[in-house]
Amino acid sequence: MFKLNLEGIYNFLDWRNYAQTFAPQIKVIHQKLHQDQHLKEKYLGWL
């Protein structure tokens, strides 16, 4: 049980590091999508 809890904590820390690393890039992409309507429509078409 304790081992599983430790693994959960490590996974959470890894996720936080991932989010902190990529959040600025995602924010920039998000801003570009708002600025460029054509690019936004193209991106939404991929979803």
PDB file of N, CA and C in Angstrom:
ATOM      1  N   MET A   1       0.837  -1.203   0.000  1.00  0.00           N
ATOM      2  CA  MET A   1       0.000   0.000   0.000  1.00  0.00           C
ATOM      3  C   MET A   1       0.873   1.254   0.000  1.00  0.00           C
ATOM      4  N   PHE A   2       1.862   1.272   0.882  1.00  0.00           N
ATOM      5  CA  PHE A   2       2.742   2.429   0.968  1.00  0.00           C
ATOM      6  C   PHE A   2       3.532   2.601  -0.325  1.00  0.00           C
ATOM      7  N   LYS A   3       3.928   1.469  -0.922  1.00  0.00           N
ATOM      8  CA  LYS A   3       4.669   1.536  -2.182  1.00  0.00           C
ATOM      9  C   LYS A   3       3.811   2.175  -3.279  1.00  0.00           C
ATOM     10  N   LEU A   4       2.529   1.801  -3.333  1.00  0.00           N
ATOM     11  CA  LEU A   4       1.640   2.368  -4.335  1.00  0.00           C
ATOM     12  C   LEU A   4       1.472   3.865  -4.114  1.00  0.00           C
ATOM     13  N   ASN A   5       1.384   4.279  -2.844  1.00  0.00           N
ATOM     14  CA  ASN A   5       1.239   5.707  -2.554  1.00  0.00           C
ATOM     15  C   ASN A   5       2.474   6.476  -3.014  1.00  0.00           C
ATOM     16  N   LEU A   6       3.658   5.905  -2.779  1.00  0.00           N
ATOM     17  CA  LEU A   6       4.886   6.569  -3.222  1.00  0.00           C
ATOM     18  C   LEU A   6       4.913   6.690  -4.743  1.00  0.00           C
ATOM     19  N   GLU A   7       4.498   5.633  -5.436  1.00  0.00           N
ATOM     20  CA  GLU A   7       4.474   5.687  -6.900  1.00  0.00           C
ATOM     21  C   GLU A   7       3.511   6.771  -7.372  1.00  0.00           C
ATOM     22  N   GLY A   8       2.369   6.912  -6.696  1.00  0.00           N
ATOM     23  CA  GLY A   8       1.407   7.942  -7.052  1.00  0.00           C
ATOM     24  C   GLY A   8       1.997   9.332  -6.873  1.00  0.00           C
ATOM     25  N   ILE A   9       2.753   9.513  -5.779  1.00  0.00           N
ATOM     26  CA  ILE A   9       3.393  10.809  -5.517  1.00  0.00           C
ATOM     27  C   ILE A   9       4.425  11.103  -6.597  1.00  0.00           C
ATOM     28  N   TYR A  10       5.238  10.109  -6.945  1.00  0.00           N
ATOM     29  CA  TYR A  10       6.251  10.322  -7.983  1.00  0.00           C
ATOM     30  C   TYR A  10       5.593  10.648  -9.321  1.00  0.00           C
ATOM     31  N   ASN A  11       4.508   9.944  -9.641  1.00  0.00           N
ATOM     32  CA  ASN A  11       3.802  10.221 -10.899  1.00  0.00           C
ATOM     33  C   ASN A  11       3.251  11.637 -10.898  1.00  0.00           C
ATOM     34  N   PHE A  12       2.743  12.078  -9.746  1.00  0.00           N
ATOM     35  CA  PHE A  12       2.206  13.433  -9.651  1.00  0.00           C
ATOM     36  C   PHE A  12       3.318  14.457  -9.847  1.00  0.00           C
ATOM     37  N   LEU A  13       4.481  14.221  -9.244  1.00  0.00           N
ATOM     38  CA  LEU A  13       5.604  15.142  -9.396  1.00  0.00           C
ATOM     39  C   LEU A  13       6.082  15.172 -10.843  1.00  0.00           C
ATOM     40  N   ASP A  14       6.114  14.005 -11.489  1.00  0.00           N
ATOM     41  CA  ASP A  14       6.493  13.961 -12.906  1.00  0.00           C
ATOM     42  C   ASP A  14       5.509  14.761 -13.743  1.00  0.00           C
ATOM     43  N   TRP A  15       4.211  14.625 -13.440  1.00  0.00           N
ATOM     44  CA  TRP A  15       3.190  15.347 -14.186  1.00  0.00           C
ATOM     45  C   TRP A  15       3.360  16.845 -13.991  1.00  0.00           C
ATOM     46  N   ARG A  16       3.673  17.271 -12.749  1.00  0.00           N
ATOM     47  CA  ARG A  16       3.871  18.701 -12.484  1.00  0.00           C
ATOM     48  C   ARG A  16       5.079  19.224 -13.262  1.00  0.00           C
ATOM     49  N   ASN A  17       6.151  18.452 -13.293  1.00  0.00           N
ATOM     50  CA  ASN A  17       7.327  18.870 -14.059  1.00  0.00           C
ATOM     51  C   ASN A  17       6.989  18.976 -15.540  1.00  0.00           C
ATOM     52  N   TYR A  18       6.233  18.017 -16.036  1.00  0.00           N
ATOM     53  CA  TYR A  18       5.812  18.033 -17.437  1.00  0.00           C
ATOM     54  C   TYR A  18       4.971  19.269 -17.724  1.00  0.00           C
ATOM     55  N   ALA A  19       4.019  19.555 -16.843  1.00  0.00           N
ATOM     56  CA  ALA A  19       3.132  20.701 -17.043  1.00  0.00           C
ATOM     57  C   ALA A  19       3.924  22.006 -16.997  1.00  0.00           C
ATOM     58  N   GLN A  20       4.852  22.122 -16.054  1.00  0.00           N
ATOM     59  CA  GLN A  20       5.642  23.346 -15.937  1.00  0.00           C
ATOM     60  C   GLN A  20       6.550  23.526 -17.146  1.00  0.00           C
ATOM     61  N   THR A  21       7.007  22.417 -17.724  1.00  0.00           N
ATOM     62  CA  THR A  21       7.911  22.494 -18.876  1.00  0.00           C
ATOM     63  C   THR A  21       7.158  22.922 -20.136  1.00  0.00           C
ATOM     64  N   PHE A  22       5.956  22.376 -20.327  1.00  0.00           N
ATOM     65  CA  PHE A  22       5.258  22.575 -21.590  1.00  0.00           C
ATOM     66  C   PHE A  22       4.177  23.645 -21.546  1.00  0.00           C
ATOM     67  N   ALA A  23       3.776  24.080 -20.342  1.00  0.00           N
ATOM     68  CA  ALA A  23       2.710  25.082 -20.242  1.00  0.00           C
ATOM     69  C   ALA A  23       3.031  26.353 -21.021  1.00  0.00           C
ATOM     70  N   PRO A  24       4.250  26.892 -20.941  1.00  0.00           N
ATOM     71  CA  PRO A  24       4.545  28.112 -21.711  1.00  0.00           C
ATOM     72  C   PRO A  24       4.377  27.905 -23.214  1.00  0.00           C
ATOM     73  N   GLN A  25       4.791  26.753 -23.724  1.00  0.00           N
ATOM     74  CA  GLN A  25       4.659  26.482 -25.154  1.00  0.00           C
ATOM     75  C   GLN A  25       3.191  26.371 -25.542  1.00  0.00           C
ATOM     76  N   ILE A  26       2.403  25.691 -24.699  1.00  0.00           N
ATOM     77  CA  ILE A  26       0.971  25.549 -24.972  1.00  0.00           C
ATOM     78  C   ILE A  26       0.305  26.917 -24.963  1.00  0.00           C
ATOM     79  N   LYS A  27       0.715  27.767 -24.022  1.00  0.00           N
ATOM     80  CA  LYS A  27       0.147  29.118 -23.932  1.00  0.00           C
ATOM     81  C   LYS A  27       0.445  29.909 -25.197  1.00  0.00           C
ATOM     82  N   VAL A  28       1.675  29.801 -25.711  1.00  0.00           N
ATOM     83  CA  VAL A  28       2.052  30.511 -26.936  1.00  0.00           C
ATOM     84  C   VAL A  28       1.222  30.007 -28.115  1.00  0.00           C
ATOM     85  N   ILE A  29       1.074  28.692 -28.219  1.00  0.00           N
ATOM     86  CA  ILE A  29       0.277  28.119 -29.309  1.00  0.00           C
ATOM     87  C   ILE A  29      -1.165  28.603 -29.209  1.00  0.00           C
ATOM     88  N   HIS A  30      -1.697  28.624 -27.974  1.00  0.00           N
ATOM     89  CA  HIS A  30      -3.073  29.068 -27.753  1.00  0.00           C
ATOM     90  C   HIS A  30      -3.249  30.516 -28.204  1.00  0.00           C
ATOM     91  N   GLN A  31      -2.285  31.375 -27.875  1.00  0.00           N
ATOM     92  CA  GLN A  31      -2.351  32.777 -28.278  1.00  0.00           C
ATOM     93  C   GLN A  31      -2.298  32.908 -29.805  1.00  0.00           C
ATOM     94  N   LYS A  32      -1.448  32.110 -30.448  1.00  0.00           N
ATOM     95  CA  LYS A  32      -1.339  32.163 -31.906  1.00  0.00           C
ATOM     96  C   LYS A  32      -2.643  31.727 -32.568  1.00  0.00           C
ATOM     97  N   LEU A  33      -3.296  30.720 -31.970  1.00  0.00           N
ATOM     98  CA  LEU A  33      -4.562  30.270 -32.532  1.00  0.00           C
ATOM     99  C   LEU A  33      -5.609  31.380 -32.467  1.00  0.00           C
ATOM    100  N   HIS A  34      -5.598  32.135 -31.385  1.00  0.00           N
ATOM    101  CA  HIS A  34      -6.557  33.231 -31.256  1.00  0.00           C
ATOM    102  C   HIS A  34      -6.251  34.341 -32.253  1.00  0.00           C
ATOM    103  N   GLN A  35      -4.976  34.549 -32.557  1.00  0.00           N
ATOM    104  CA  GLN A  35      -4.577  35.627 -33.458  1.00  0.00           C
ATOM    105  C   GLN A  35      -4.857  35.274 -34.913  1.00  0.00           C
ATOM    106  N   ASP A  36      -4.762  33.996 -35.242  1.00  0.00           N
ATOM    107  CA  ASP A  36      -4.883  33.573 -36.633  1.00  0.00           C
ATOM    108  C   ASP A  36      -6.130  32.691 -36.786  1.00  0.00           C
ATOM    109  N   GLN A  37      -7.215  33.280 -37.267  1.00  0.00           N
ATOM    110  CA  GLN A  37      -8.482  32.557 -37.374  1.00  0.00           C
ATOM    111  C   GLN A  37      -8.361  31.359 -38.328  1.00  0.00           C
ATOM    112  N   HIS A  38      -7.635  31.537 -39.422  1.00  0.00           N
ATOM    113  CA  HIS A  38      -7.476  30.443 -40.382  1.00  0.00           C
ATOM    114  C   HIS A  38      -6.750  29.267 -39.732  1.00  0.00           C
ATOM    115  N   LEU A  39      -5.677  29.557 -38.988  1.00  0.00           N
ATOM    116  CA  LEU A  39      -4.928  28.512 -38.305  1.00  0.00           C
ATOM    117  C   LEU A  39      -5.793  27.842 -37.254  1.00  0.00           C
ATOM    118  N   LYS A  40      -6.613  28.638 -36.576  1.00  0.00           N
ATOM    119  CA  LYS A  40      -7.508  28.089 -35.552  1.00  0.00           C
ATOM    120  C   LYS A  40      -8.479  27.096 -36.175  1.00  0.00           C
ATOM    121  N   GLU A  41      -9.072  27.481 -37.311  1.00  0.00           N
ATOM    122  CA  GLU A  41     -10.026  26.587 -37.977  1.00  0.00           C
ATOM    123  C   GLU A  41      -9.339  25.302 -38.441  1.00  0.00           C
ATOM    124  N   LYS A  42      -8.115  25.449 -38.943  1.00  0.00           N
ATOM    125  CA  LYS A  42      -7.358  24.283 -39.390  1.00  0.00           C
ATOM    126  C   LYS A  42      -7.062  23.356 -38.214  1.00  0.00           C
ATOM    127  N   TYR A  43      -6.646  23.940 -37.079  1.00  0.00           N
ATOM    128  CA  TYR A  43      -6.329  23.153 -35.887  1.00  0.00           C
ATOM    129  C   TYR A  43      -7.575  22.455 -35.362  1.00  0.00           C
ATOM    130  N   LEU A  44      -8.692  23.180 -35.304  1.00  0.00           N
ATOM    131  CA  LEU A  44      -9.928  22.588 -34.799  1.00  0.00           C
ATOM    132  C   LEU A  44     -10.395  21.460 -35.707  1.00  0.00           C
ATOM    133  N   GLY A  45     -10.031  21.532 -36.984  1.00  0.00           N
ATOM    134  CA  GLY A  45     -10.392  20.471 -37.903  1.00  0.00           C
ATOM    135  C   GLY A  45      -9.678  19.156 -37.601  1.00  0.00           C
ATOM    136  N   TRP A  46      -8.533  19.242 -36.919  1.00  0.00           N
ATOM    137  CA  TRP A  46      -7.784  18.025 -36.573  1.00  0.00           C
ATOM    138  C   TRP A  46      -8.381  17.315 -35.374  1.00  0.00           C
ATOM    139  N   LEU A  47      -9.135  18.033 -34.548  1.00  0.00           N
ATOM    140  CA  LEU A  47      -9.669  17.438 -33.309  1.00  0.00           C
ATOM    141  C   LEU A  47     -10.783  16.459 -33.597  1.00  0.00           C
TER     142      LEU A  47
END
